[in-house]
N, C-alpha and C. Protein backbone atom coordinates (compact mmCIF):
# COMPACT_ATOMS: atom_id res chain seq x y z
N MET A 1 108.95 -52.50 384.68
CA MET A 1 110.17 -53.18 385.93
C MET A 1 109.48 -54.40 385.89
N SER A 2 110.58 -55.31 385.73
CA SER A 2 110.36 -56.97 385.40
C SER A 2 109.72 -57.25 386.89
N ALA A 3 109.42 -58.72 386.81
CA ALA A 3 108.78 -59.26 387.63
C ALA A 3 109.74 -59.24 388.94
N GLN A 4 109.09 -59.34 389.98
CA GLN A 4 109.73 -59.17 391.48
C GLN A 4 109.57 -60.77 392.40
N SER A 5 110.61 -60.82 392.92
CA SER A 5 110.25 -62.31 393.97
C SER A 5 109.86 -61.74 395.19
N SER A 6 109.52 -62.68 395.94
CA SER A 6 108.81 -62.12 397.41
C SER A 6 109.91 -61.25 398.03
N GLU A 7 111.18 -61.87 397.81
CA GLU A 7 112.39 -61.01 398.68
C GLU A 7 112.74 -59.86 397.89
N GLU A 8 112.55 -59.77 396.86
CA GLU A 8 112.55 -58.03 396.34
C GLU A 8 111.46 -57.34 396.81
N LYS A 9 110.60 -57.92 396.88
CA LYS A 9 109.07 -57.13 397.14
C LYS A 9 109.40 -56.46 398.46
N ALA A 10 109.62 -57.60 399.32
CA ALA A 10 109.87 -57.16 400.89
C ALA A 10 111.06 -55.82 401.06
N LYS A 11 111.97 -56.39 400.00
CA LYS A 11 113.36 -55.38 400.32
C LYS A 11 112.65 -53.94 399.87
N ARG A 12 112.07 -54.00 398.86
CA ARG A 12 111.00 -52.77 398.47
C ARG A 12 110.48 -51.80 399.29
N ARG A 13 109.56 -52.84 399.98
CA ARG A 13 108.47 -51.99 400.68
C ARG A 13 109.69 -51.70 402.11
N GLN A 14 110.74 -52.23 402.20
CA GLN A 14 111.40 -51.87 403.66
C GLN A 14 112.03 -50.56 402.96
N LEU A 15 112.61 -50.56 401.80
CA LEU A 15 113.21 -49.19 401.25
C LEU A 15 112.29 -48.19 401.18
N ALA A 16 111.00 -48.39 400.60
CA ALA A 16 110.14 -47.23 400.50
C ALA A 16 109.72 -46.70 401.98
N SER A 17 109.66 -47.52 402.64
CA SER A 17 109.67 -47.43 404.20
C SER A 17 110.31 -46.19 404.79
N MET A 18 111.71 -46.75 404.43
CA MET A 18 112.80 -45.65 405.22
C MET A 18 112.98 -44.28 404.24
N ILE A 19 112.63 -44.20 402.98
CA ILE A 19 112.53 -43.35 402.19
C ILE A 19 111.28 -42.33 402.54
N LYS A 20 110.47 -43.01 403.10
CA LYS A 20 108.60 -41.98 403.30
C LYS A 20 109.34 -41.44 404.72
N LYS A 21 110.10 -42.19 405.95
CA LYS A 21 110.47 -41.25 406.70
C LYS A 21 111.30 -40.26 406.66
N ASP A 22 112.41 -40.23 405.87
CA ASP A 22 113.39 -39.11 405.65
C ASP A 22 113.37 -38.88 404.05
N PRO A 23 112.92 -38.57 403.47
CA PRO A 23 112.58 -38.39 401.76
C PRO A 23 113.72 -37.10 401.50
N SER A 24 114.21 -36.47 402.15
CA SER A 24 115.41 -35.33 401.91
C SER A 24 116.50 -35.93 401.89
N ALA A 25 116.90 -36.80 403.21
CA ALA A 25 118.18 -37.73 403.06
C ALA A 25 117.99 -38.63 401.87
N ALA A 26 116.87 -39.03 401.73
CA ALA A 26 116.66 -40.33 400.38
C ALA A 26 117.49 -39.24 398.91
N LEU A 27 116.73 -38.50 398.78
CA LEU A 27 117.12 -37.69 397.81
C LEU A 27 118.92 -37.18 397.62
N GLU A 28 118.99 -36.81 398.76
CA GLU A 28 120.37 -36.33 398.98
C GLU A 28 121.52 -37.59 398.66
N ILE A 29 121.50 -38.87 399.37
CA ILE A 29 121.70 -39.92 398.84
C ILE A 29 122.11 -39.90 397.05
N LEU A 30 120.95 -40.22 396.93
CA LEU A 30 120.65 -40.47 395.33
C LEU A 30 121.31 -39.45 394.38
N LEU A 31 120.89 -38.17 395.10
CA LEU A 31 122.14 -37.19 393.87
C LEU A 31 123.43 -37.23 394.06
N ASP A 32 124.02 -37.65 395.46
CA ASP A 32 125.41 -37.78 395.36
C ASP A 32 126.29 -39.01 394.79
N GLU A 33 125.43 -39.92 394.45
CA GLU A 33 126.01 -41.45 394.37
C GLU A 33 125.65 -41.41 392.36
N PRO A 34 126.70 -41.80 391.76
CA PRO A 34 126.56 -42.05 390.52
C PRO A 34 125.72 -43.09 390.27
N PHE A 35 124.48 -43.18 389.33
CA PHE A 35 124.02 -44.17 388.88
C PHE A 35 123.54 -44.26 387.75
N TRP A 36 122.89 -45.36 387.26
CA TRP A 36 122.03 -45.81 385.45
C TRP A 36 120.90 -46.08 386.14
N HIS A 37 119.62 -45.52 385.54
CA HIS A 37 118.92 -46.46 385.71
C HIS A 37 118.34 -47.22 384.75
N ASN A 38 118.04 -48.41 385.07
CA ASN A 38 117.88 -49.65 383.95
C ASN A 38 116.91 -49.30 383.01
N ASP A 39 115.78 -48.65 383.32
CA ASP A 39 114.56 -48.02 382.05
C ASP A 39 114.68 -46.91 381.42
N VAL A 40 116.22 -46.08 381.77
CA VAL A 40 116.48 -45.00 380.95
C VAL A 40 117.87 -45.48 379.74
N GLN A 41 117.24 -45.34 378.44
CA GLN A 41 118.18 -45.90 377.67
C GLN A 41 119.05 -44.57 377.06
N THR A 42 119.85 -45.01 376.59
CA THR A 42 120.69 -44.02 375.76
C THR A 42 120.49 -43.87 374.48
N ASN A 43 120.70 -42.08 373.79
CA ASN A 43 120.21 -42.23 372.34
C ASN A 43 118.65 -42.15 372.26
N VAL A 44 118.03 -42.07 373.33
CA VAL A 44 116.61 -41.75 373.13
C VAL A 44 116.02 -40.41 373.95
N ASP A 45 115.42 -39.80 373.04
CA ASP A 45 114.83 -38.38 373.48
C ASP A 45 113.70 -38.55 374.59
N TYR A 46 113.65 -38.46 375.54
CA TYR A 46 112.69 -38.10 376.72
C TYR A 46 111.88 -36.89 376.58
N ARG A 47 110.73 -36.69 375.94
CA ARG A 47 110.06 -35.48 375.50
C ARG A 47 108.68 -35.21 376.32
N ARG A 48 108.45 -34.06 376.34
CA ARG A 48 107.21 -33.99 377.53
C ARG A 48 106.86 -32.44 377.27
N ASP A 49 105.36 -32.39 376.70
CA ASP A 49 104.92 -31.18 376.48
C ASP A 49 104.78 -30.60 378.02
N GLY A 50 104.83 -29.05 378.34
CA GLY A 50 104.43 -28.11 379.13
C GLY A 50 102.83 -28.61 379.60
N ASP A 51 102.46 -28.57 380.68
CA ASP A 51 100.89 -28.32 380.95
C ASP A 51 100.10 -27.32 380.32
N ASP A 52 100.73 -26.21 380.34
CA ASP A 52 99.88 -24.61 379.57
C ASP A 52 100.55 -24.57 378.44
N THR A 53 100.39 -25.57 377.71
CA THR A 53 100.74 -24.95 376.14
C THR A 53 99.87 -24.33 375.20
N ASP A 54 98.42 -24.32 375.77
CA ASP A 54 97.24 -24.02 374.71
C ASP A 54 97.38 -24.35 373.51
N GLY A 55 98.03 -25.57 373.47
CA GLY A 55 98.16 -26.18 371.79
C GLY A 55 99.42 -25.89 371.05
N LYS A 56 100.18 -25.07 371.66
CA LYS A 56 101.65 -24.93 371.07
C LYS A 56 102.56 -25.84 371.78
N LYS A 57 103.23 -26.11 370.67
CA LYS A 57 104.50 -27.59 371.20
C LYS A 57 105.68 -26.59 372.02
N GLN A 58 105.60 -26.73 373.10
CA GLN A 58 106.67 -26.44 373.87
C GLN A 58 106.97 -27.34 375.20
N GLY A 59 107.94 -27.46 375.60
CA GLY A 59 108.43 -28.38 376.47
C GLY A 59 109.59 -28.64 376.71
N ILE A 60 110.05 -29.88 377.25
CA ILE A 60 111.25 -30.09 377.65
C ILE A 60 111.83 -31.62 376.81
N SER A 61 113.06 -31.89 376.78
CA SER A 61 113.40 -33.42 376.23
C SER A 61 115.05 -33.35 377.28
N ILE A 62 115.09 -34.53 377.74
CA ILE A 62 116.16 -34.92 378.26
C ILE A 62 116.62 -36.27 377.60
N GLY A 63 118.08 -36.18 377.38
CA GLY A 63 118.69 -37.34 376.72
C GLY A 63 120.14 -37.77 377.05
N PHE A 64 120.35 -38.94 377.00
CA PHE A 64 121.88 -39.39 377.25
C PHE A 64 122.68 -40.29 376.20
N SER A 65 123.47 -39.46 376.33
CA SER A 65 124.60 -40.15 375.07
C SER A 65 125.12 -41.26 375.26
N HIS A 66 125.79 -42.25 374.61
CA HIS A 66 126.50 -43.32 375.33
C HIS A 66 127.47 -43.20 376.17
N ASP A 67 128.35 -41.98 375.95
CA ASP A 67 129.26 -41.96 377.32
C ASP A 67 128.50 -41.16 378.58
N GLY A 68 127.46 -40.99 379.00
CA GLY A 68 126.79 -41.14 379.82
C GLY A 68 126.42 -39.76 380.12
N ASP A 69 126.35 -38.69 379.15
CA ASP A 69 126.56 -37.06 379.37
C ASP A 69 124.87 -37.13 379.12
N SER A 70 124.46 -36.41 379.96
CA SER A 70 123.14 -35.72 379.86
C SER A 70 122.78 -34.46 378.80
N TRP A 71 121.62 -34.57 378.34
CA TRP A 71 121.12 -33.28 377.67
C TRP A 71 119.90 -32.83 377.94
N ILE A 72 119.49 -31.75 378.09
CA ILE A 72 118.32 -31.16 378.24
C ILE A 72 117.93 -29.97 377.47
N SER A 73 116.60 -30.00 376.67
CA SER A 73 116.20 -29.31 375.70
C SER A 73 115.29 -28.79 376.11
N VAL A 74 115.04 -27.39 376.08
CA VAL A 74 113.73 -26.69 376.42
C VAL A 74 113.58 -25.51 374.86
N ALA A 75 112.02 -26.28 374.77
CA ALA A 75 111.58 -25.39 373.61
C ALA A 75 110.54 -24.64 374.49
N SER A 76 110.51 -23.14 374.13
CA SER A 76 109.38 -22.35 374.58
C SER A 76 108.92 -21.67 373.68
N TYR A 77 107.84 -21.19 373.72
CA TYR A 77 106.77 -20.26 372.96
C TYR A 77 107.00 -18.78 373.41
N ARG A 78 107.55 -18.35 372.40
CA ARG A 78 107.79 -16.74 372.88
C ARG A 78 107.16 -15.71 372.01
N GLU A 79 106.57 -14.92 372.76
CA GLU A 79 105.65 -13.76 371.94
C GLU A 79 106.52 -13.17 370.92
N GLY A 80 106.19 -12.71 369.79
CA GLY A 80 107.31 -11.90 368.98
C GLY A 80 107.85 -12.55 367.82
N PHE A 81 108.27 -13.73 368.09
CA PHE A 81 109.02 -14.68 367.41
C PHE A 81 108.25 -14.99 366.15
N GLY A 82 108.89 -14.46 364.82
CA GLY A 82 108.17 -14.78 363.49
C GLY A 82 107.43 -13.31 363.44
N GLU A 83 107.05 -12.37 364.11
CA GLU A 83 106.25 -11.50 363.72
C GLU A 83 106.80 -10.61 362.14
N GLU A 84 107.74 -11.00 361.70
CA GLU A 84 107.93 -10.04 360.55
C GLU A 84 107.21 -10.85 359.41
N ASN A 85 106.78 -11.91 359.78
CA ASN A 85 105.52 -12.93 358.75
C ASN A 85 104.35 -12.70 359.19
N GLY A 86 103.93 -11.70 360.07
CA GLY A 86 102.75 -11.61 360.72
C GLY A 86 102.16 -12.61 361.60
N LYS A 87 103.16 -13.74 362.02
CA LYS A 87 103.44 -14.48 363.06
C LYS A 87 103.56 -14.30 364.35
N THR A 88 103.05 -15.17 365.48
CA THR A 88 103.61 -15.25 366.66
C THR A 88 103.93 -16.61 366.89
N GLU A 89 104.61 -17.13 366.96
CA GLU A 89 105.17 -18.82 367.32
C GLU A 89 106.32 -19.33 367.82
N ILE A 90 106.32 -20.56 368.29
CA ILE A 90 107.09 -21.15 368.79
C ILE A 90 108.76 -20.89 368.07
N SER A 91 109.69 -20.55 369.19
CA SER A 91 111.27 -20.63 368.11
C SER A 91 111.40 -21.78 367.91
N PRO A 92 111.80 -22.02 366.36
CA PRO A 92 112.38 -23.62 365.85
C PRO A 92 113.77 -23.73 366.72
N TYR A 93 114.37 -23.01 367.62
CA TYR A 93 115.81 -23.37 368.21
C TYR A 93 115.38 -23.48 369.24
N PRO A 94 115.37 -25.22 369.71
CA PRO A 94 115.42 -25.35 371.38
C PRO A 94 116.79 -24.87 371.69
N ILE A 95 116.65 -24.40 372.92
CA ILE A 95 118.08 -24.26 373.90
C ILE A 95 118.52 -25.68 374.65
N ASP A 96 119.65 -25.97 374.08
CA ASP A 96 120.15 -27.46 374.65
C ASP A 96 121.03 -27.21 375.73
N HIS A 97 121.62 -28.04 376.70
CA HIS A 97 122.60 -27.84 377.58
C HIS A 97 123.11 -29.08 377.73
N ARG A 98 124.29 -29.23 377.93
CA ARG A 98 124.64 -30.71 378.36
C ARG A 98 125.56 -30.63 379.80
N PHE A 99 125.17 -31.90 380.20
CA PHE A 99 125.67 -31.82 381.66
C PHE A 99 126.72 -33.34 381.75
N ARG A 100 127.80 -33.44 381.79
CA ARG A 100 128.86 -34.34 381.60
C ARG A 100 128.83 -35.23 382.39
N SER A 101 129.03 -36.40 382.29
CA SER A 101 129.54 -37.38 383.26
C SER A 101 130.83 -37.18 383.92
N GLY A 102 130.94 -38.06 385.27
CA GLY A 102 132.27 -37.67 385.75
C GLY A 102 133.35 -37.87 384.86
N PHE A 103 133.21 -38.99 384.32
CA PHE A 103 134.45 -39.75 383.11
C PHE A 103 134.71 -38.40 382.29
N GLY A 104 133.50 -37.35 381.70
CA GLY A 104 133.77 -36.51 380.58
C GLY A 104 134.17 -35.20 381.48
N GLY A 105 134.68 -35.04 382.82
CA GLY A 105 135.03 -33.99 383.31
C GLY A 105 133.76 -33.18 383.52
N GLY A 106 132.80 -33.64 384.17
CA GLY A 106 131.42 -32.75 384.62
C GLY A 106 131.88 -32.31 385.79
N ARG A 107 131.11 -31.15 385.88
CA ARG A 107 131.61 -30.16 387.14
C ARG A 107 129.91 -30.45 387.80
N SER A 108 128.80 -30.99 387.15
CA SER A 108 127.68 -30.78 388.03
C SER A 108 126.80 -32.31 388.29
N LEU A 109 127.53 -33.14 388.79
CA LEU A 109 127.19 -34.48 389.04
C LEU A 109 125.85 -34.71 389.23
N ARG A 110 125.45 -33.77 390.01
CA ARG A 110 123.89 -34.07 390.92
C ARG A 110 123.03 -33.62 389.90
N VAL A 111 123.29 -32.46 389.05
CA VAL A 111 122.27 -32.33 387.94
C VAL A 111 122.23 -33.26 386.91
N ARG A 112 123.15 -33.84 386.62
CA ARG A 112 123.33 -34.78 385.74
C ARG A 112 122.39 -36.09 386.27
N ASN A 113 122.58 -36.24 387.66
CA ASN A 113 121.54 -37.49 388.35
C ASN A 113 120.17 -37.02 388.19
N ALA A 114 119.94 -35.82 388.79
CA ALA A 114 118.64 -35.30 388.48
C ALA A 114 117.86 -35.53 387.30
N LEU A 115 118.63 -35.04 386.01
CA LEU A 115 118.46 -35.32 384.91
C LEU A 115 117.80 -36.86 384.77
N MET A 116 118.44 -37.77 385.50
CA MET A 116 118.38 -39.08 385.18
C MET A 116 116.84 -39.30 385.57
N PHE A 117 116.52 -38.69 386.78
CA PHE A 117 115.42 -38.73 387.53
C PHE A 117 113.93 -38.52 386.59
N LEU A 118 114.49 -37.02 386.12
CA LEU A 118 113.46 -36.12 385.16
C LEU A 118 113.15 -37.34 383.89
N ALA A 119 114.19 -37.67 383.50
CA ALA A 119 113.75 -38.81 382.15
C ALA A 119 112.95 -39.86 382.34
N LEU A 120 113.30 -40.32 383.58
CA LEU A 120 112.40 -41.55 384.00
C LEU A 120 111.12 -41.01 384.35
N ALA A 121 110.94 -39.91 384.84
CA ALA A 121 109.56 -39.43 385.33
C ALA A 121 108.84 -39.15 383.92
N ILE A 122 109.73 -38.73 383.07
CA ILE A 122 108.70 -38.07 381.62
C ILE A 122 108.50 -39.55 381.08
N LYS A 123 109.26 -40.31 381.09
CA LYS A 123 109.08 -41.58 380.64
C LYS A 123 107.58 -42.55 381.21
N LEU A 124 107.89 -42.43 382.39
CA LEU A 124 106.36 -42.62 383.41
C LEU A 124 105.15 -42.16 383.06
N ASP A 125 105.29 -40.42 383.05
CA ASP A 125 104.01 -39.69 382.54
C ASP A 125 103.94 -39.96 381.75
N SER A 126 104.55 -39.88 380.39
CA SER A 126 104.08 -40.30 378.82
C SER A 126 103.29 -41.24 378.59
N LYS A 127 103.80 -42.32 379.60
CA LYS A 127 102.84 -43.79 379.82
C LYS A 127 101.51 -43.80 380.06
N ASP A 128 101.75 -42.98 380.84
CA ASP A 128 100.37 -42.86 381.94
C ASP A 128 99.18 -42.06 381.26
N MET A 129 99.48 -40.87 380.77
CA MET A 129 98.89 -39.79 379.90
C MET A 129 99.93 -39.51 379.07
N PRO A 130 99.63 -39.94 377.71
CA PRO A 130 100.70 -39.41 376.85
C PRO A 130 100.45 -37.95 376.56
N ASP A 131 101.20 -37.03 375.56
CA ASP A 131 101.32 -35.82 375.17
C ASP A 131 100.09 -36.23 374.04
N ARG A 132 99.33 -34.79 373.97
CA ARG A 132 98.67 -34.74 372.56
C ARG A 132 99.18 -34.73 371.27
N PRO A 133 98.48 -35.18 370.15
CA PRO A 133 99.68 -34.51 368.81
C PRO A 133 99.26 -33.40 368.35
């Protein structure tokens, strides 16, 4: 986030107070309004490993294309994958899903907004506590 003036800080405190009083209403308002967060970039893969990976690479990633469509990809460990080679490992084929923006005929605009929140959460968590290599 950029440096804030005292007026911006006061507005932020007031907004935070309102949100704390009724977080459910605040979330519903945010989900209903199309928006773009300034700290989320297009053509960037916001990826986060799951907490219970036991050293296996599995997790989620969120991305946004230049037209505002959102993508979520899930890579999961599956018992039995690769057993023909005597191994059990993560599927090399993550499952991808696209949620279009309103301009692209999107039917799940709230889901798209929620993925924007998730991308930002992944970015912030990765900064505070990076995934292990």
